[in-house]
Amino acid sequence: MNKTISGLIKEYFDRYPNKDLPHDDVVDYVFKSFPKARDPWRAVRKLYEEGYLIQVGKGVYRRVPGYRGNSSENPFPSEVAGGAVARIGTFKTIPASTSFRRANSLQPSF
């Protein structure tokens, strides 16, 4: 059965749920199965970015079953985002050319 590097990493973290696991132990596990694996560190970081893992510290990750993390498209829950808009209100956008002229007009002329 062919396994992917990401699949091996998921298998390793699923074997030790709710434990802080150093990056190096995971990479050693991958290299035992795939001696010529290319960049398993990147696969660990990708699983973290996808929300499969939680980064506890530098080079230390944890798998909490059922945790899926925040998506990068919508990083805040709707109640938090709605509260921020209510507190801040709406802003009027200024075209870039206008703000550039304003910034230059504030500069002293010599």
C-alpha atoms as a PDB file:
ATOM      1  CA  MET A   1       0.000   0.000   0.000  1.00  0.00           C
ATOM      2  CA  ASN A   2       1.457   3.345  -1.058  1.00  0.00           C
ATOM      3  CA  LYS A   3       1.226   6.007   1.612  1.00  0.00           C
ATOM      4  CA  THR A   4       1.899   9.665   1.246  1.00  0.00           C
ATOM      5  CA  ILE A   5       4.153  11.638   3.526  1.00  0.00           C
ATOM      6  CA  SER A   6       1.165  13.628   4.776  1.00  0.00           C
ATOM      7  CA  GLY A   7      -0.676  10.375   5.425  1.00  0.00           C
ATOM      8  CA  LEU A   8       2.213   9.060   7.521  1.00  0.00           C
ATOM      9  CA  ILE A   9       2.347  12.280   9.505  1.00  0.00           C
ATOM     10  CA  LYS A  10      -1.400  12.150  10.151  1.00  0.00           C
ATOM     11  CA  GLU A  11      -1.066   8.511  11.221  1.00  0.00           C
ATOM     12  CA  TYR A  12       1.725   9.424  13.663  1.00  0.00           C
ATOM     13  CA  PHE A  13      -0.218  12.288  15.238  1.00  0.00           C
ATOM     14  CA  ASP A  14      -3.403  10.204  15.430  1.00  0.00           C
ATOM     15  CA  ARG A  15      -1.458   7.570  17.322  1.00  0.00           C
ATOM     16  CA  TYR A  16      -0.536  10.167  19.990  1.00  0.00           C
ATOM     17  CA  PRO A  17      -3.579  12.477  20.386  1.00  0.00           C
ATOM     18  CA  ASN A  18      -3.395  15.477  22.723  1.00  0.00           C
ATOM     19  CA  LYS A  19       0.385  15.135  23.164  1.00  0.00           C
ATOM     20  CA  ASP A  20       2.995  17.725  22.311  1.00  0.00           C
ATOM     21  CA  LEU A  21       5.283  16.111  19.755  1.00  0.00           C
ATOM     22  CA  PRO A  22       8.568  17.608  18.601  1.00  0.00           C
ATOM     23  CA  HIS A  23       9.035  18.135  14.907  1.00  0.00           C
ATOM     24  CA  ASP A  24      12.154  15.952  14.831  1.00  0.00           C
ATOM     25  CA  ASP A  25      10.374  12.826  16.113  1.00  0.00           C
ATOM     26  CA  VAL A  26       7.768  13.108  13.361  1.00  0.00           C
ATOM     27  CA  VAL A  27      10.425  13.580  10.688  1.00  0.00           C
ATOM     28  CA  ASP A  28      12.393  10.557  11.975  1.00  0.00           C
ATOM     29  CA  TYR A  29       9.209   8.473  11.738  1.00  0.00           C
ATOM     30  CA  VAL A  30       8.696   9.549   8.120  1.00  0.00           C
ATOM     31  CA  PHE A  31      12.328   8.805   7.209  1.00  0.00           C
ATOM     32  CA  LYS A  32      11.964   5.254   8.584  1.00  0.00           C
ATOM     33  CA  SER A  33       9.178   4.599   6.071  1.00  0.00           C
ATOM     34  CA  PHE A  34      10.514   6.769   3.245  1.00  0.00           C
ATOM     35  CA  PRO A  35      14.315   7.009   3.509  1.00  0.00           C
ATOM     36  CA  LYS A  36      14.444   9.375   0.520  1.00  0.00           C
ATOM     37  CA  ALA A  37      11.474  11.526   1.540  1.00  0.00           C
ATOM     38  CA  ARG A  38      11.810  15.080   0.360  1.00  0.00           C
ATOM     39  CA  ASP A  39      11.061  17.815   2.882  1.00  0.00           C
ATOM     40  CA  PRO A  40       8.716  16.196   5.427  1.00  0.00           C
ATOM     41  CA  TRP A  41       9.034  19.431   7.440  1.00  0.00           C
ATOM     42  CA  ARG A  42       6.994  21.179   4.772  1.00  0.00           C
ATOM     43  CA  ALA A  43       4.223  18.567   5.075  1.00  0.00           C
ATOM     44  CA  VAL A  44       4.034  19.145   8.843  1.00  0.00           C
ATOM     45  CA  ARG A  45       3.783  22.914   8.343  1.00  0.00           C
ATOM     46  CA  LYS A  46       1.128  22.416   5.663  1.00  0.00           C
ATOM     47  CA  LEU A  47      -0.983  20.263   7.999  1.00  0.00           C
ATOM     48  CA  TYR A  48      -0.649  23.000  10.615  1.00  0.00           C
ATOM     49  CA  GLU A  49      -1.730  25.668   8.110  1.00  0.00           C
ATOM     50  CA  GLU A  50      -4.717  23.540   7.066  1.00  0.00           C
ATOM     51  CA  GLY A  51      -5.848  23.303  10.690  1.00  0.00           C
ATOM     52  CA  TYR A  52      -5.080  19.613  11.228  1.00  0.00           C
ATOM     53  CA  LEU A  53      -2.353  20.362  13.814  1.00  0.00           C
ATOM     54  CA  ILE A  54      -1.883  22.978  16.513  1.00  0.00           C
ATOM     55  CA  GLN A  55       1.527  24.601  16.891  1.00  0.00           C
ATOM     56  CA  VAL A  56       2.364  24.637  20.588  1.00  0.00           C
ATOM     57  CA  GLY A  57       5.832  26.122  20.284  1.00  0.00           C
ATOM     58  CA  LYS A  58       8.708  26.384  17.868  1.00  0.00           C
ATOM     59  CA  GLY A  59       8.964  22.938  16.294  1.00  0.00           C
ATOM     60  CA  VAL A  60       6.338  21.397  18.601  1.00  0.00           C
ATOM     61  CA  TYR A  61       2.906  20.362  17.328  1.00  0.00           C
ATOM     62  CA  ARG A  62      -0.199  18.757  18.820  1.00  0.00           C
ATOM     63  CA  ARG A  63      -3.156  16.904  17.324  1.00  0.00           C
ATOM     64  CA  VAL A  64      -6.496  17.394  19.043  1.00  0.00           C
ATOM     65  CA  PRO A  65      -9.129  15.050  17.585  1.00  0.00           C
ATOM     66  CA  GLY A  66     -11.985  17.001  16.048  1.00  0.00           C
ATOM     67  CA  TYR A  67     -10.051  20.293  15.886  1.00  0.00           C
ATOM     68  CA  ARG A  68     -10.067  21.847  12.440  1.00  0.00           C
ATOM     69  CA  GLY A  69      -8.591  25.272  13.105  1.00  0.00           C
ATOM     70  CA  ASN A  70      -9.572  28.610  11.602  1.00  0.00           C
ATOM     71  CA  SER A  71      -9.750  28.930   7.857  1.00  0.00           C
ATOM     72  CA  SER A  72      -7.589  31.600   6.279  1.00  0.00           C
ATOM     73  CA  GLU A  73     -10.596  32.924   4.342  1.00  0.00           C
ATOM     74  CA  ASN A  74     -12.659  33.588   7.477  1.00  0.00           C
ATOM     75  CA  PRO A  75     -10.281  33.700  10.466  1.00  0.00           C
ATOM     76  CA  PHE A  76     -12.817  35.114  12.951  1.00  0.00           C
ATOM     77  CA  PRO A  77     -16.181  33.719  14.038  1.00  0.00           C
ATOM     78  CA  SER A  78     -19.130  35.776  12.805  1.00  0.00           C
ATOM     79  CA  GLU A  79     -19.942  37.151  16.296  1.00  0.00           C
ATOM     80  CA  VAL A  80     -16.389  38.503  16.689  1.00  0.00           C
ATOM     81  CA  ALA A  81     -16.318  40.004  13.202  1.00  0.00           C
ATOM     82  CA  GLY A  82     -19.784  41.536  13.667  1.00  0.00           C
ATOM     83  CA  GLY A  83     -18.773  43.058  17.001  1.00  0.00           C
ATOM     84  CA  ALA A  84     -15.697  44.644  15.450  1.00  0.00           C
ATOM     85  CA  VAL A  85     -17.726  46.254  12.678  1.00  0.00           C
ATOM     86  CA  ALA A  86     -20.246  47.561  15.222  1.00  0.00           C
ATOM     87  CA  ARG A  87     -17.482  49.124  17.355  1.00  0.00           C
ATOM     88  CA  ILE A  88     -15.477  50.578  14.481  1.00  0.00           C
ATOM     89  CA  GLY A  89     -18.262  51.567  12.121  1.00  0.00           C
ATOM     90  CA  THR A  90     -17.690  52.023   8.440  1.00  0.00           C
ATOM     91  CA  PHE A  91     -14.797  53.866   6.905  1.00  0.00           C
ATOM     92  CA  LYS A  92     -14.706  55.945   3.791  1.00  0.00           C
ATOM     93  CA  THR A  93     -11.989  54.762   1.464  1.00  0.00           C
ATOM     94  CA  ILE A  94      -9.647  57.291  -0.058  1.00  0.00           C
ATOM     95  CA  PRO A  95      -8.265  56.705  -3.553  1.00  0.00           C
ATOM     96  CA  ALA A  96      -4.541  55.992  -3.566  1.00  0.00           C
ATOM     97  CA  SER A  97      -3.750  59.018  -5.707  1.00  0.00           C
ATOM     98  CA  THR A  98      -5.470  61.328  -3.185  1.00  0.00           C
ATOM     99  CA  SER A  99      -3.656  59.890  -0.194  1.00  0.00           C
ATOM    100  CA  PHE A 100      -0.342  60.161  -2.061  1.00  0.00           C
ATOM    101  CA  ARG A 101      -0.935  63.860  -2.721  1.00  0.00           C
ATOM    102  CA  ARG A 102      -1.888  64.424   0.912  1.00  0.00           C
ATOM    103  CA  ALA A 103       1.234  62.646   2.138  1.00  0.00           C
ATOM    104  CA  ASN A 104       3.450  64.722  -0.151  1.00  0.00           C
ATOM    105  CA  SER A 105       1.772  67.985   0.819  1.00  0.00           C
ATOM    106  CA  LEU A 106       2.657  67.330   4.457  1.00  0.00           C
ATOM    107  CA  GLN A 107       6.353  67.021   3.668  1.00  0.00           C
ATOM    108  CA  PRO A 108       8.425  70.129   4.265  1.00  0.00           C
ATOM    109  CA  SER A 109       9.858  71.753   1.166  1.00  0.00           C
ATOM    110  CA  PHE A 110      13.479  72.826   1.211  1.00  0.00           C
END
